[in-house]
Protein backbone atom coordinates (compact mmCIF):
# COMPACT_ATOMS: atom_id res chain seq x y z
CA MET A 1 -30.75 -16.36 -10.44
CA THR A 2 -29.19 -13.06 -11.39
CA ARG A 3 -31.21 -13.15 -14.61
CA ILE A 4 -34.47 -13.37 -12.63
CA TYR A 5 -33.59 -10.29 -10.59
CA ASP A 6 -32.20 -8.32 -13.51
CA GLU A 7 -35.34 -8.97 -15.56
CA ALA A 8 -37.54 -7.80 -12.68
CA LEU A 9 -35.45 -4.65 -12.19
CA ARG A 10 -34.94 -3.75 -15.86
CA PRO A 11 -38.19 -1.72 -16.16
CA HIS A 12 -36.92 0.39 -13.25
CA GLY A 13 -33.57 1.16 -14.87
CA LEU A 14 -31.50 -0.97 -12.49
CA ARG A 15 -29.44 -4.12 -12.52
CA SER A 16 -29.08 -6.26 -9.41
CA THR A 17 -25.48 -5.11 -8.94
CA GLN A 18 -26.62 -1.48 -8.92
CA LEU A 19 -29.43 -2.28 -6.49
CA ASN A 20 -26.91 -3.93 -4.15
CA LEU A 21 -24.75 -0.82 -4.36
CA LEU A 22 -27.68 1.55 -3.79
CA THR A 23 -28.72 -0.50 -0.76
CA ALA A 24 -25.17 -0.48 0.64
CA ILE A 25 -24.99 3.30 0.17
CA THR A 26 -28.21 3.62 2.14
CA LEU A 27 -26.75 1.56 4.97
CA THR A 28 -23.40 3.38 4.99
CA ASP A 29 -24.61 6.87 4.06
CA GLY A 30 -21.52 9.02 3.96
CA GLY A 31 -19.18 6.07 3.52
CA SER A 32 -16.28 6.24 1.11
CA PRO A 33 -16.02 4.39 -2.20
CA ALA A 34 -13.22 2.31 -0.66
CA GLU A 35 -15.53 1.24 2.17
CA LEU A 36 -18.26 0.32 -0.30
CA SER A 37 -15.82 -1.62 -2.43
CA GLN A 38 -14.68 -3.60 0.59
CA LEU A 39 -18.20 -4.16 1.90
CA LEU A 40 -19.51 -5.44 -1.43
CA GLU A 41 -16.25 -7.10 -2.47
CA LEU A 42 -16.24 -5.15 -5.72
CA GLU A 43 -13.24 -4.24 -7.81
CA LYS A 44 -12.53 -0.52 -7.99
CA SER A 45 -13.43 -0.37 -11.70
CA SER A 46 -16.80 -2.09 -11.15
CA LEU A 47 -17.60 0.20 -8.26
CA SER A 48 -16.61 3.32 -10.20
CA ARG A 49 -18.66 2.32 -13.24
CA ASN A 50 -21.78 1.59 -11.20
CA LEU A 51 -21.38 4.67 -8.99
CA ALA A 52 -21.18 6.81 -12.12
CA ILE A 53 -24.47 5.35 -13.36
CA LEU A 54 -26.20 5.95 -10.02
CA GLU A 55 -24.81 9.48 -9.83
CA GLU A 56 -25.86 10.26 -13.41
CA ARG A 57 -29.41 9.19 -12.55
CA GLU A 58 -29.20 11.41 -9.45
CA TRP A 59 -29.82 8.52 -7.07
CA VAL A 60 -26.55 9.16 -5.23
CA ARG A 61 -24.32 12.16 -4.61
CA LEU A 62 -20.54 12.06 -4.22
CA GLU A 63 -19.04 14.69 -1.98
CA ARG A 64 -15.33 15.46 -1.55
CA ASP A 65 -14.06 16.11 1.94
CA PRO A 66 -12.38 19.47 2.58
CA SER A 67 -8.91 17.99 2.03
CA GLY A 68 -9.97 16.75 -1.40
CA ARG A 69 -8.41 13.35 -0.74
CA THR A 70 -11.52 11.28 -0.06
CA GLN A 71 -15.14 11.17 -1.09
CA ALA A 72 -18.32 10.37 0.75
CA VAL A 73 -21.21 8.73 -1.03
CA HIS A 74 -24.74 9.76 -0.07
CA ILE A 75 -28.12 8.51 -1.21
CA THR A 76 -30.45 11.21 -2.51
CA GLY A 77 -34.19 11.54 -2.06
CA ALA A 78 -34.59 10.23 -5.60
CA GLY A 79 -32.45 7.24 -4.65
CA ARG A 80 -34.65 6.49 -1.65
CA ASP A 81 -37.73 6.85 -3.86
CA LYS A 82 -36.19 4.41 -6.36
CA LEU A 83 -35.67 1.83 -3.62
CA GLU A 84 -39.32 2.11 -2.63
CA GLU A 85 -40.42 1.94 -6.26
CA ILE A 86 -38.60 -1.32 -6.96
CA ARG A 87 -39.71 -3.09 -3.77
CA PRO A 88 -42.68 -4.88 -5.43
CA ALA A 89 -40.49 -6.01 -8.36
CA TRP A 90 -37.85 -7.27 -5.93
CA ASN A 91 -40.44 -9.16 -3.91
CA ALA A 92 -41.81 -10.73 -7.09
CA ALA A 93 -38.31 -11.82 -8.12
CA GLN A 94 -37.80 -13.30 -4.65
CA ALA A 95 -41.00 -15.31 -5.06
CA VAL A 96 -39.95 -16.61 -8.50
CA THR A 97 -36.52 -17.54 -7.15
CA ARG A 98 -38.05 -19.35 -4.16
CA THR A 99 -40.38 -21.29 -6.48
CA THR A 100 -37.52 -22.14 -8.84
CA LEU A 101 -35.12 -23.28 -6.13
CA GLY A 102 -37.55 -24.63 -3.56
CA ASP A 103 -37.93 -23.42 0.00
CA ALA A 104 -35.03 -25.35 1.54
CA LEU A 105 -32.38 -24.27 -0.97
CA PHE A 106 -33.71 -20.70 -1.09
CA ASP A 107 -33.54 -20.43 2.71
CA THR A 108 -30.05 -21.93 2.79
CA LEU A 109 -28.79 -19.45 0.20
CA ALA A 110 -30.45 -16.55 2.01
CA GLU A 111 -28.54 -17.46 5.17
CA LEU A 112 -25.13 -17.42 3.45
CA ASP A 113 -23.00 -14.39 4.03
């Protein structure tokens, strides 16, 4: 399944893991990397690597708090634009996945947390 999503997102410069991260950043705007790591159940190295890619592409911005001990992660306007841009590709990948798995299995998987 990951291959279906990654192929749909490739023309937009994203992998499914990066899309998940970008979406989580949108939902937790101003959250810390530690919070994102916990929310997505990502190892620190995976989170750091993917955050660096998103920051390099200017889809997110990391901001240190005044104490310098923690960071907040914010989505940028370009990041919001990217999410809108990929929506049709995501929907197409969802349709392919539903067809491949069948409605019952697709719906069951969608309900899992």
